PDB file of N, CA and C in Angstrom:
ATOM      1  N   MET A   1     109.647  90.283 112.780  1.00  0.00           N
ATOM      2  CA  MET A   1     108.523  90.953 113.404  1.00  0.00           C
ATOM      3  C   MET A   1     107.265  90.659 112.584  1.00  0.00           C
ATOM      4  N   LYS A   2     106.145  90.539 113.256  1.00  0.00           N
ATOM      5  CA  LYS A   2     104.859  90.305 112.600  1.00  0.00           C
ATOM      6  C   LYS A   2     104.297  91.618 112.083  1.00  0.00           C
ATOM      7  N   ALA A   3     103.349  91.496 111.166  1.00  0.00           N
ATOM      8  CA  ALA A   3     102.704  92.697 110.623  1.00  0.00           C
ATOM      9  C   ALA A   3     101.196  92.497 110.577  1.00  0.00           C
ATOM     10  N   LEU A   4     100.489  93.587 110.768  1.00  0.00           N
ATOM     11  CA  LEU A   4      99.060  93.659 110.477  1.00  0.00           C
ATOM     12  C   LEU A   4      98.969  94.493 109.206  1.00  0.00           C
ATOM     13  N   ASN A   5      98.613  93.865 108.097  1.00  0.00           N
ATOM     14  CA  ASN A   5      98.557  94.584 106.829  1.00  0.00           C
ATOM     15  C   ASN A   5      97.117  94.934 106.486  1.00  0.00           C
ATOM     16  N   PHE A   6      96.944  96.120 105.930  1.00  0.00           N
ATOM     17  CA  PHE A   6      95.628  96.627 105.547  1.00  0.00           C
ATOM     18  C   PHE A   6      95.685  97.110 104.112  1.00  0.00           C
ATOM     19  N   TYR A   7      94.542  97.039 103.429  1.00  0.00           N
ATOM     20  CA  TYR A   7      94.472  97.533 102.062  1.00  0.00           C
ATOM     21  C   TYR A   7      94.401  99.052 102.072  1.00  0.00           C
ATOM     22  N   PRO A   8      95.237  99.715 101.274  1.00  0.00           N
ATOM     23  CA  PRO A   8      95.336 101.179 101.346  1.00  0.00           C
ATOM     24  C   PRO A   8      94.051 101.915 100.980  1.00  0.00           C
ATOM     25  N   THR A   9      93.322 101.443 100.032  1.00  0.00           N
ATOM     26  CA  THR A   9      92.122 102.166  99.606  1.00  0.00           C
ATOM     27  C   THR A   9      91.027 102.115 100.656  1.00  0.00           C
ATOM     28  N   VAL A  10      91.103 101.169 101.555  1.00  0.00           N
ATOM     29  CA  VAL A  10      90.055 100.980 102.548  1.00  0.00           C
ATOM     30  C   VAL A  10      90.417 101.604 103.893  1.00  0.00           C
ATOM     31  N   TYR A  11      91.645 101.393 104.338  1.00  0.00           N
ATOM     32  CA  TYR A  11      91.981 101.674 105.728  1.00  0.00           C
ATOM     33  C   TYR A  11      92.970 102.800 105.980  1.00  0.00           C
ATOM     34  N   GLN A  12      93.716 103.239 105.016  1.00  0.00           N
ATOM     35  CA  GLN A  12      94.814 104.158 105.264  1.00  0.00           C
ATOM     36  C   GLN A  12      94.386 105.396 106.054  1.00  0.00           C
ATOM     37  N   ALA A  13      93.308 106.043 105.652  1.00  0.00           N
ATOM     38  CA  ALA A  13      92.873 107.267 106.342  1.00  0.00           C
ATOM     39  C   ALA A  13      92.502 106.986 107.797  1.00  0.00           C
ATOM     40  N   HIS A  14      91.769 105.903 108.042  1.00  0.00           N
ATOM     41  CA  HIS A  14      91.376 105.562 109.421  1.00  0.00           C
ATOM     42  C   HIS A  14      92.605 105.246 110.284  1.00  0.00           C
ATOM     43  N   LEU A  15      93.585 104.557 109.707  1.00  0.00           N
ATOM     44  CA  LEU A  15      94.787 104.225 110.463  1.00  0.00           C
ATOM     45  C   LEU A  15      95.573 105.481 110.819  1.00  0.00           C
ATOM     46  N   LEU A  16      95.766 106.346 109.845  1.00  0.00           N
ATOM     47  CA  LEU A  16      96.546 107.559 110.086  1.00  0.00           C
ATOM     48  C   LEU A  16      95.857 108.498 111.069  1.00  0.00           C
ATOM     49  N   ALA A  17      94.524 108.487 111.094  1.00  0.00           N
ATOM     50  CA  ALA A  17      93.767 109.335 112.019  1.00  0.00           C
ATOM     51  C   ALA A  17      93.541 108.650 113.366  1.00  0.00           C
ATOM     52  N   SER A  18      94.111 107.468 113.556  1.00  0.00           N
ATOM     53  CA  SER A  18      93.948 106.670 114.782  1.00  0.00           C
ATOM     54  C   SER A  18      92.489 106.345 115.077  1.00  0.00           C
ATOM     55  N   GLN A  19      91.655 106.251 114.039  1.00  0.00           N
ATOM     56  CA  GLN A  19      90.258 105.861 114.205  1.00  0.00           C
ATOM     57  C   GLN A  19      90.095 104.352 114.164  1.00  0.00           C
ATOM     58  N   LYS A  20      91.081 103.660 113.648  1.00  0.00           N
ATOM     59  CA  LYS A  20      91.036 102.204 113.577  1.00  0.00           C
ATOM     60  C   LYS A  20      91.941 101.655 114.669  1.00  0.00           C
ATOM     61  N   ARG A  21      91.338 100.936 115.621  1.00  0.00           N
ATOM     62  CA  ARG A  21      92.072 100.390 116.761  1.00  0.00           C
ATOM     63  C   ARG A  21      91.972  98.881 116.843  1.00  0.00           C
ATOM     64  N   CYS A  22      91.316  98.281 115.855  1.00  0.00           N
ATOM     65  CA  CYS A  22      91.059  96.850 115.884  1.00  0.00           C
ATOM     66  C   CYS A  22      90.990  96.336 114.451  1.00  0.00           C
ATOM     67  N   THR A  23      91.371  95.096 114.276  1.00  0.00           N
ATOM     68  CA  THR A  23      91.144  94.427 113.009  1.00  0.00           C
ATOM     69  C   THR A  23      90.414  93.122 113.295  1.00  0.00           C
ATOM     70  N   VAL A  24      89.430  92.814 112.486  1.00  0.00           N
ATOM     71  CA  VAL A  24      88.695  91.560 112.616  1.00  0.00           C
ATOM     72  C   VAL A  24      89.111  90.680 111.449  1.00  0.00           C
ATOM     73  N   ARG A  25      89.646  89.515 111.767  1.00  0.00           N
ATOM     74  CA  ARG A  25      90.131  88.569 110.762  1.00  0.00           C
ATOM     75  C   ARG A  25      89.313  87.288 110.861  1.00  0.00           C
ATOM     76  N   LEU A  26      89.049  86.663 109.731  1.00  0.00           N
ATOM     77  CA  LEU A  26      88.328  85.392 109.724  1.00  0.00           C
ATOM     78  C   LEU A  26      89.189  84.299 110.346  1.00  0.00           C
ATOM     79  N   GLY A  27      88.555  83.449 111.117  1.00  0.00           N
ATOM     80  CA  GLY A  27      89.238  82.319 111.731  1.00  0.00           C
ATOM     81  C   GLY A  27      89.811  82.649 113.101  1.00  0.00           C
ATOM     82  N   ASP A  28      90.362  81.642 113.734  1.00  0.00           N
ATOM     83  CA  ASP A  28      90.979  81.772 115.049  1.00  0.00           C
ATOM     84  C   ASP A  28      92.457  82.087 114.850  1.00  0.00           C
ATOM     85  N   LYS A  29      92.860  83.307 115.153  1.00  0.00           N
ATOM     86  CA  LYS A  29      94.233  83.770 114.931  1.00  0.00           C
ATOM     87  C   LYS A  29      95.016  83.921 116.236  1.00  0.00           C
ATOM     88  N   ARG A  30      94.552  83.277 117.320  1.00  0.00           N
ATOM     89  CA  ARG A  30      95.248  83.396 118.611  1.00  0.00           C
ATOM     90  C   ARG A  30      96.691  82.912 118.554  1.00  0.00           C
ATOM     91  N   ASP A  31      96.975  81.937 117.703  1.00  0.00           N
ATOM     92  CA  ASP A  31      98.355  81.453 117.593  1.00  0.00           C
ATOM     93  C   ASP A  31      99.237  82.439 116.843  1.00  0.00           C
ATOM     94  N   LYS A  32      98.640  83.259 116.001  1.00  0.00           N
ATOM     95  CA  LYS A  32      99.402  84.216 115.202  1.00  0.00           C
ATOM     96  C   LYS A  32      99.606  85.540 115.924  1.00  0.00           C
ATOM     97  N   TYR A  33      98.565  86.042 116.586  1.00  0.00           N
ATOM     98  CA  TYR A  33      98.624  87.341 117.266  1.00  0.00           C
ATOM     99  C   TYR A  33      98.310  87.133 118.740  1.00  0.00           C
ATOM    100  N   ARG A  34      99.214  87.601 119.596  1.00  0.00           N
ATOM    101  CA  ARG A  34      99.043  87.431 121.039  1.00  0.00           C
ATOM    102  C   ARG A  34      99.170  88.776 121.741  1.00  0.00           C
ATOM    103  N   GLU A  35      98.444  88.902 122.837  1.00  0.00           N
ATOM    104  CA  GLU A  35      98.527  90.127 123.628  1.00  0.00           C
ATOM    105  C   GLU A  35      99.975  90.399 124.005  1.00  0.00           C
ATOM    106  N   GLY A  36     100.387  91.656 123.838  1.00  0.00           N
ATOM    107  CA  GLY A  36     101.751  92.042 124.139  1.00  0.00           C
ATOM    108  C   GLY A  36     102.691  91.988 122.954  1.00  0.00           C
ATOM    109  N   ASP A  37     102.298  91.320 121.869  1.00  0.00           N
ATOM    110  CA  ASP A  37     103.132  91.287 120.663  1.00  0.00           C
ATOM    111  C   ASP A  37     103.320  92.694 120.111  1.00  0.00           C
ATOM    112  N   ILE A  38     104.512  92.956 119.597  1.00  0.00           N
ATOM    113  CA  ILE A  38     104.786  94.189 118.876  1.00  0.00           C
ATOM    114  C   ILE A  38     104.684  93.845 117.387  1.00  0.00           C
ATOM    115  N   VAL A  39     103.934  94.650 116.646  1.00  0.00           N
ATOM    116  CA  VAL A  39     103.724  94.399 115.214  1.00  0.00           C
ATOM    117  C   VAL A  39     103.937  95.692 114.433  1.00  0.00           C
ATOM    118  N   TRP A  40     104.227  95.543 113.167  1.00  0.00           N
ATOM    119  CA  TRP A  40     104.204  96.679 112.257  1.00  0.00           C
ATOM    120  C   TRP A  40     102.807  96.781 111.699  1.00  0.00           C
ATOM    121  N   VAL A  41     102.267  97.959 111.648  1.00  0.00           N
ATOM    122  CA  VAL A  41     101.007  98.208 110.953  1.00  0.00           C
ATOM    123  C   VAL A  41     101.396  98.726 109.574  1.00  0.00           C
ATOM    124  N   THR A  42     100.997  97.973 108.554  1.00  0.00           N
ATOM    125  CA  THR A  42     101.379  98.292 107.179  1.00  0.00           C
ATOM    126  C   THR A  42     100.139  98.372 106.307  1.00  0.00           C
ATOM    127  N   TYR A  43     100.314  98.949 105.133  1.00  0.00           N
ATOM    128  CA  TYR A  43      99.240  98.910 104.150  1.00  0.00           C
ATOM    129  C   TYR A  43      99.830  98.611 102.781  1.00  0.00           C
ATOM    130  N   GLY A  44      99.044  97.942 101.985  1.00  0.00           N
ATOM    131  CA  GLY A  44      99.457  97.578 100.634  1.00  0.00           C
ATOM    132  C   GLY A  44      98.588  96.459 100.117  1.00  0.00           C
ATOM    133  N   SER A  45      98.538  96.342  98.835  1.00  0.00           N
ATOM    134  CA  SER A  45      97.741  95.300  98.198  1.00  0.00           C
ATOM    135  C   SER A  45      98.430  93.949  98.327  1.00  0.00           C
ATOM    136  N   ARG A  46      97.642  92.913  98.225  1.00  0.00           N
ATOM    137  CA  ARG A  46      98.162  91.552  98.294  1.00  0.00           C
ATOM    138  C   ARG A  46      99.190  91.336  97.186  1.00  0.00           C
ATOM    139  N   PHE A  47     100.308  90.721  97.508  1.00  0.00           N
ATOM    140  CA  PHE A  47     101.401  90.408  96.576  1.00  0.00           C
ATOM    141  C   PHE A  47     102.042  91.659  95.978  1.00  0.00           C
ATOM    142  N   ALA A  48     101.995  92.777  96.698  1.00  0.00           N
ATOM    143  CA  ALA A  48     102.604  94.025  96.235  1.00  0.00           C
ATOM    144  C   ALA A  48     103.443  94.597  97.381  1.00  0.00           C
ATOM    145  N   PRO A  49     104.321  95.547  97.068  1.00  0.00           N
ATOM    146  CA  PRO A  49     105.082  96.186  98.151  1.00  0.00           C
ATOM    147  C   PRO A  49     104.146  96.828  99.164  1.00  0.00           C
ATOM    148  N   ARG A  50     104.587  96.835 100.403  1.00  0.00           N
ATOM    149  CA  ARG A  50     103.770  97.392 101.490  1.00  0.00           C
ATOM    150  C   ARG A  50     104.515  98.533 102.156  1.00  0.00           C
ATOM    151  N   GLN A  51     103.752  99.457 102.697  1.00  0.00           N
ATOM    152  CA  GLN A  51     104.305 100.627 103.371  1.00  0.00           C
ATOM    153  C   GLN A  51     104.088 100.497 104.873  1.00  0.00           C
ATOM    154  N   LYS A  52     105.158 100.641 105.647  1.00  0.00           N
ATOM    155  CA  LYS A  52     105.035 100.616 107.103  1.00  0.00           C
ATOM    156  C   LYS A  52     104.499 101.967 107.559  1.00  0.00           C
ATOM    157  N   LEU A  53     103.423 101.934 108.356  1.00  0.00           N
ATOM    158  CA  LEU A  53     102.865 103.163 108.911  1.00  0.00           C
ATOM    159  C   LEU A  53     103.415 103.447 110.301  1.00  0.00           C
ATOM    160  N   PHE A  54     103.360 102.418 111.169  1.00  0.00           N
ATOM    161  CA  PHE A  54     103.838 102.598 112.541  1.00  0.00           C
ATOM    162  C   PHE A  54     103.941 101.244 113.218  1.00  0.00           C
ATOM    163  N   ALA A  55     104.608 101.234 114.357  1.00  0.00           N
ATOM    164  CA  ALA A  55     104.667 100.041 115.199  1.00  0.00           C
ATOM    165  C   ALA A  55     103.514 100.123 116.202  1.00  0.00           C
ATOM    166  N   ALA A  56     103.019  98.963 116.597  1.00  0.00           N
ATOM    167  CA  ALA A  56     101.905  98.914 117.544  1.00  0.00           C
ATOM    168  C   ALA A  56     102.083  97.719 118.471  1.00  0.00           C
ATOM    169  N   VAL A  57     101.399  97.791 119.603  1.00  0.00           N
ATOM    170  CA  VAL A  57     101.360  96.671 120.529  1.00  0.00           C
ATOM    171  C   VAL A  57      99.952  96.093 120.493  1.00  0.00           C
ATOM    172  N   ILE A  58      99.849  94.777 120.536  1.00  0.00           N
ATOM    173  CA  ILE A  58      98.546  94.127 120.570  1.00  0.00           C
ATOM    174  C   ILE A  58      98.057  94.128 122.015  1.00  0.00           C
ATOM    175  N   ASP A  59      96.916  94.775 122.214  1.00  0.00           N
ATOM    176  CA  ASP A  59      96.355  94.930 123.556  1.00  0.00           C
ATOM    177  C   ASP A  59      95.423  93.795 123.949  1.00  0.00           C
ATOM    178  N   ARG A  60      94.663  93.298 122.976  1.00  0.00           N
ATOM    179  CA  ARG A  60      93.652  92.278 123.297  1.00  0.00           C
ATOM    180  C   ARG A  60      93.356  91.468 122.042  1.00  0.00           C
ATOM    181  N   VAL A  61      93.175  90.178 122.233  1.00  0.00           N
ATOM    182  CA  VAL A  61      92.800  89.264 121.150  1.00  0.00           C
ATOM    183  C   VAL A  61      91.585  88.486 121.624  1.00  0.00           C
ATOM    184  N   THR A  62      90.488  88.595 120.872  1.00  0.00           N
ATOM    185  CA  THR A  62      89.241  87.937 121.242  1.00  0.00           C
ATOM    186  C   THR A  62      88.757  87.080 120.076  1.00  0.00           C
ATOM    187  N   VAL A  63      88.384  85.847 120.369  1.00  0.00           N
ATOM    188  CA  VAL A  63      87.857  84.945 119.351  1.00  0.00           C
ATOM    189  C   VAL A  63      86.398  84.653 119.678  1.00  0.00           C
ATOM    190  N   LYS A  64      85.534  84.820 118.681  1.00  0.00           N
ATOM    191  CA  LYS A  64      84.098  84.570 118.850  1.00  0.00           C
ATOM    192  C   LYS A  64      83.449  84.446 117.487  1.00  0.00           C
ATOM    193  N   ARG A  65      82.150  84.191 117.480  1.00  0.00           N
ATOM    194  CA  ARG A  65      81.420  84.172 116.213  1.00  0.00           C
ATOM    195  C   ARG A  65      81.193  85.619 115.756  1.00  0.00           C
ATOM    196  N   LEU A  66      81.174  85.815 114.463  1.00  0.00           N
ATOM    197  CA  LEU A  66      80.985  87.149 113.896  1.00  0.00           C
ATOM    198  C   LEU A  66      79.740  87.824 114.461  1.00  0.00           C
ATOM    199  N   GLU A  67      78.659  87.077 114.597  1.00  0.00           N
ATOM    200  CA  GLU A  67      77.401  87.649 115.083  1.00  0.00           C
ATOM    201  C   GLU A  67      77.484  88.094 116.545  1.00  0.00           C
ATOM    202  N   GLU A  68      78.510  87.673 117.280  1.00  0.00           N
ATOM    203  CA  GLU A  68      78.662  88.031 118.688  1.00  0.00           C
ATOM    204  C   GLU A  68      79.516  89.287 118.914  1.00  0.00           C
ATOM    205  N   LEU A  69      80.038  89.873 117.853  1.00  0.00           N
ATOM    206  CA  LEU A  69      80.867  91.063 118.018  1.00  0.00           C
ATOM    207  C   LEU A  69      80.061  92.193 118.652  1.00  0.00           C
ATOM    208  N   THR A  70      80.703  92.906 119.563  1.00  0.00           N
ATOM    209  CA  THR A  70      80.047  94.006 120.257  1.00  0.00           C
ATOM    210  C   THR A  70      80.117  95.283 119.419  1.00  0.00           C
ATOM    211  N   GLU A  71      79.349  96.268 119.837  1.00  0.00           N
ATOM    212  CA  GLU A  71      79.397  97.571 119.169  1.00  0.00           C
ATOM    213  C   GLU A  71      80.802  98.166 119.269  1.00  0.00           C
ATOM    214  N   GLU A  72      81.449  98.010 120.426  1.00  0.00           N
ATOM    215  CA  GLU A  72      82.822  98.510 120.588  1.00  0.00           C
ATOM    216  C   GLU A  72      83.759  97.884 119.569  1.00  0.00           C
ATOM    217  N   GLU A  73      83.663  96.574 119.387  1.00  0.00           N
ATOM    218  CA  GLU A  73      84.532  95.881 118.436  1.00  0.00           C
ATOM    219  C   GLU A  73      84.251  96.332 117.010  1.00  0.00           C
ATOM    220  N   LEU A  74      82.984  96.474 116.675  1.00  0.00           N
ATOM    221  CA  LEU A  74      82.624  96.927 115.327  1.00  0.00           C
ATOM    222  C   LEU A  74      83.148  98.331 115.054  1.00  0.00           C
ATOM    223  N   ARG A  75      82.931  99.248 115.993  1.00  0.00           N
ATOM    224  CA  ARG A  75      83.360 100.643 115.810  1.00  0.00           C
ATOM    225  C   ARG A  75      84.875 100.768 115.780  1.00  0.00           C
ATOM    226  N   ALA A  76      85.586  99.925 116.551  1.00  0.00           N
ATOM    227  CA  ALA A  76      87.046  99.963 116.543  1.00  0.00           C
ATOM    228  C   ALA A  76      87.597  99.438 115.222  1.00  0.00           C
ATOM    229  N   GLU A  77      86.866  98.529 114.592  1.00  0.00           N
ATOM    230  CA  GLU A  77      87.239  98.020 113.270  1.00  0.00           C
ATOM    231  C   GLU A  77      87.024  99.097 112.216  1.00  0.00           C
ATOM    232  N   ASP A  78      85.870  99.734 112.256  1.00  0.00           N
ATOM    233  CA  ASP A  78      85.530 100.797 111.295  1.00  0.00           C
ATOM    234  C   ASP A  78      84.423 101.639 111.917  1.00  0.00           C
ATOM    235  N   PRO A  79      84.653 102.932 112.108  1.00  0.00           N
ATOM    236  CA  PRO A  79      83.648 103.779 112.765  1.00  0.00           C
ATOM    237  C   PRO A  79      82.300 103.819 112.041  1.00  0.00           C
ATOM    238  N   ASP A  80      82.266 103.399 110.788  1.00  0.00           N
ATOM    239  CA  ASP A  80      81.029 103.433 110.013  1.00  0.00           C
ATOM    240  C   ASP A  80      80.208 102.149 110.104  1.00  0.00           C
ATOM    241  N   LEU A  81      80.756 101.103 110.725  1.00  0.00           N
ATOM    242  CA  LEU A  81      80.024  99.841 110.838  1.00  0.00           C
ATOM    243  C   LEU A  81      78.906  99.963 111.861  1.00  0.00           C
ATOM    244  N   ARG A  82      77.748  99.395 111.535  1.00  0.00           N
ATOM    245  CA  ARG A  82      76.596  99.462 112.438  1.00  0.00           C
ATOM    246  C   ARG A  82      76.159  98.096 112.960  1.00  0.00           C
ATOM    247  N   SER A  83      76.548  97.018 112.254  1.00  0.00           N
ATOM    248  CA  SER A  83      76.080  95.698 112.659  1.00  0.00           C
ATOM    249  C   SER A  83      77.060  94.625 112.187  1.00  0.00           C
ATOM    250  N   PRO A  84      76.994  93.434 112.797  1.00  0.00           N
ATOM    251  CA  PRO A  84      77.814  92.326 112.310  1.00  0.00           C
ATOM    252  C   PRO A  84      77.530  92.000 110.840  1.00  0.00           C
ATOM    253  N   ARG A  85      76.294  92.177 110.402  1.00  0.00           N
ATOM    254  CA  ARG A  85      75.952  91.925 108.993  1.00  0.00           C
ATOM    255  C   ARG A  85      76.738  92.877 108.084  1.00  0.00           C
ATOM    256  N   ASP A  86      76.867  94.156 108.486  1.00  0.00           N
ATOM    257  CA  ASP A  86      77.666  95.112 107.704  1.00  0.00           C
ATOM    258  C   ASP A  86      79.108  94.634 107.580  1.00  0.00           C
ATOM    259  N   LEU A  87      79.657  94.142 108.696  1.00  0.00           N
ATOM    260  CA  LEU A  87      81.034  93.652 108.663  1.00  0.00           C
ATOM    261  C   LEU A  87      81.135  92.402 107.794  1.00  0.00           C
ATOM    262  N   ALA A  88      80.156  91.522 107.855  1.00  0.00           N
ATOM    263  CA  ALA A  88      80.174  90.314 107.015  1.00  0.00           C
ATOM    264  C   ALA A  88      80.230  90.693 105.540  1.00  0.00           C
ATOM    265  N   ARG A  89      79.435  91.673 105.140  1.00  0.00           N
ATOM    266  CA  ARG A  89      79.450  92.121 103.732  1.00  0.00           C
ATOM    267  C   ARG A  89      80.817  92.681 103.352  1.00  0.00           C
ATOM    268  N   PHE A  90      81.399  93.436 104.265  1.00  0.00           N
ATOM    269  CA  PHE A  90      82.724  93.998 104.009  1.00  0.00           C
ATOM    270  C   PHE A  90      83.774  92.888 103.887  1.00  0.00           C
ATOM    271  N   LEU A  91      83.751  91.930 104.818  1.00  0.00           N
ATOM    272  CA  LEU A  91      84.711  90.829 104.782  1.00  0.00           C
ATOM    273  C   LEU A  91      84.563  89.993 103.517  1.00  0.00           C
ATOM    274  N   GLU A  92      83.367  89.889 103.000  1.00  0.00           N
ATOM    275  CA  GLU A  92      83.165  89.160 101.747  1.00  0.00           C
ATOM    276  C   GLU A  92      83.961  89.796 100.605  1.00  0.00           C
ATOM    277  N   ARG A  93      84.040  91.112 100.600  1.00  0.00           N
ATOM    278  CA  ARG A  93      84.818  91.794  99.558  1.00  0.00           C
ATOM    279  C   ARG A  93      86.318  91.588  99.769  1.00  0.00           C
ATOM    280  N   ILE A  94      86.754  91.614 101.018  1.00  0.00           N
ATOM    281  CA  ILE A  94      88.180  91.440 101.312  1.00  0.00           C
ATOM    282  C   ILE A  94      88.633  90.008 101.022  1.00  0.00           C
ATOM    283  N   TYR A  95      87.858  89.027 101.505  1.00  0.00           N
ATOM    284  CA  TYR A  95      88.246  87.619 101.379  1.00  0.00           C
ATOM    285  C   TYR A  95      87.756  86.985 100.080  1.00  0.00           C
ATOM    286  N   GLU A  96      86.933  87.710  99.338  1.00  0.00           N
ATOM    287  CA  GLU A  96      86.420  87.250  98.034  1.00  0.00           C
ATOM    288  C   GLU A  96      85.699  85.905  98.131  1.00  0.00           C
ATOM    289  N   ARG A  97      84.839  85.808  99.162  1.00  0.00           N
ATOM    290  CA  ARG A  97      84.007  84.614  99.338  1.00  0.00           C
ATOM    291  C   ARG A  97      82.861  84.968 100.277  1.00  0.00           C
ATOM    292  N   PRO A  98      81.786  84.167 100.292  1.00  0.00           N
ATOM    293  CA  PRO A  98      80.683  84.425 101.219  1.00  0.00           C
ATOM    294  C   PRO A  98      81.145  84.295 102.673  1.00  0.00           C
ATOM    295  N   VAL A  99      80.620  85.156 103.541  1.00  0.00           N
ATOM    296  CA  VAL A  99      80.954  85.126 104.966  1.00  0.00           C
ATOM    297  C   VAL A  99      79.649  85.023 105.750  1.00  0.00           C
ATOM    298  N   ASP A 100      79.550  83.993 106.572  1.00  0.00           N
ATOM    299  CA  ASP A 100      78.355  83.727 107.376  1.00  0.00           C
ATOM    300  C   ASP A 100      78.512  84.343 108.762  1.00  0.00           C
ATOM    301  N   LEU A 101      77.428  84.784 109.344  1.00  0.00           N
ATOM    302  CA  LEU A 101      77.465  85.379 110.683  1.00  0.00           C
ATOM    303  C   LEU A 101      77.907  84.393 111.757  1.00  0.00           C
ATOM    304  N   ALA A 102      77.800  83.097 111.499  1.00  0.00           N
ATOM    305  CA  ALA A 102      78.200  82.083 112.485  1.00  0.00           C
ATOM    306  C   ALA A 102      79.690  81.755 112.407  1.00  0.00           C
ATOM    307  N   GLU A 103      80.411  82.348 111.469  1.00  0.00           N
ATOM    308  CA  GLU A 103      81.837  82.047 111.327  1.00  0.00           C
ATOM    309  C   GLU A 103      82.636  82.593 112.514  1.00  0.00           C
ATOM    310  N   THR A 104      83.719  81.886 112.814  1.00  0.00           N
ATOM    311  CA  THR A 104      84.637  82.319 113.858  1.00  0.00           C
ATOM    312  C   THR A 104      85.500  83.452 113.319  1.00  0.00           C
ATOM    313  N   VAL A 105      85.642  84.502 114.139  1.00  0.00           N
ATOM    314  CA  VAL A 105      86.513  85.622 113.791  1.00  0.00           C
ATOM    315  C   VAL A 105      87.410  85.949 114.985  1.00  0.00           C
ATOM    316  N   THR A 106      88.485  86.640 114.703  1.00  0.00           N
ATOM    317  CA  THR A 106      89.390  87.111 115.743  1.00  0.00           C
ATOM    318  C   THR A 106      89.436  88.628 115.686  1.00  0.00           C
ATOM    319  N   ALA A 107      89.133  89.270 116.801  1.00  0.00           N
ATOM    320  CA  ALA A 107      89.248  90.719 116.927  1.00  0.00           C
ATOM    321  C   ALA A 107      90.581  91.015 117.609  1.00  0.00           C
ATOM    322  N   VAL A 108      91.441  91.754 116.914  1.00  0.00           N
ATOM    323  CA  VAL A 108      92.766  92.086 117.418  1.00  0.00           C
ATOM    324  C   VAL A 108      92.810  93.594 117.664  1.00  0.00           C
ATOM    325  N   PHE A 109      92.844  93.983 118.939  1.00  0.00           N
ATOM    326  CA  PHE A 109      92.948  95.395 119.307  1.00  0.00           C
ATOM    327  C   PHE A 109      94.421  95.772 119.411  1.00  0.00           C
ATOM    328  N   PHE A 110      94.769  96.937 118.895  1.00  0.00           N
ATOM    329  CA  PHE A 110      96.158  97.364 118.926  1.00  0.00           C
ATOM    330  C   PHE A 110      96.239  98.858 119.255  1.00  0.00           C
ATOM    331  N   SER A 111      97.405  99.258 119.784  1.00  0.00           N
ATOM    332  CA  SER A 111      97.680 100.650 120.118  1.00  0.00           C
ATOM    333  C   SER A 111      98.987 101.067 119.462  1.00  0.00           C
ATOM    334  N   ARG A 112      98.953 102.217 118.858  1.00  0.00           N
ATOM    335  CA  ARG A 112     100.156 102.775 118.207  1.00  0.00           C
ATOM    336  C   ARG A 112     101.241 103.042 119.251  1.00  0.00           C
ATOM    337  N   ILE A 113     102.480 102.753 118.886  1.00  0.00           N
ATOM    338  CA  ILE A 113     103.617 103.056 119.738  1.00  0.00           C
ATOM    339  C   ILE A 113     104.214 104.364 119.247  1.00  0.00           C
ATOM    340  N   ALA A 114     104.272 105.350 120.122  1.00  0.00           N
ATOM    341  CA  ALA A 114     104.846 106.645 119.758  1.00  0.00           C
ATOM    342  C   ALA A 114     106.345 106.485 119.577  1.00  0.00           C
ATOM    343  N   GLU A 115     106.856 107.056 118.510  1.00  0.00           N
ATOM    344  CA  GLU A 115     108.301 106.938 118.230  1.00  0.00           C
ATOM    345  C   GLU A 115     108.970 108.273 118.374  1.00  0.00           C
TER     346      GLU A 115
END
């Protein structure tokens, strides 16, 4: 099974409160994540053990330039985001490199599966 992993210090509270419904990843990830896929939503640091939070279904996968992200996509990624520039700054910290607004990103919308 595939996983969408998130860093615990950044996302855990939003995930548990169901405020995070989307993840924006750098690059074109259509081959990795497809609509209808069932994934585990996990959190944990890179190269460390991860904790499974819940299973989810991927509802929508959209590929576009970072600067083209809509307000809906930004808010689903993080309710505190106000602009693509804000997300670019955030992604720079996650990916540890400069992120340009013209870069291709993939927005992956997901819904929690009730167990």
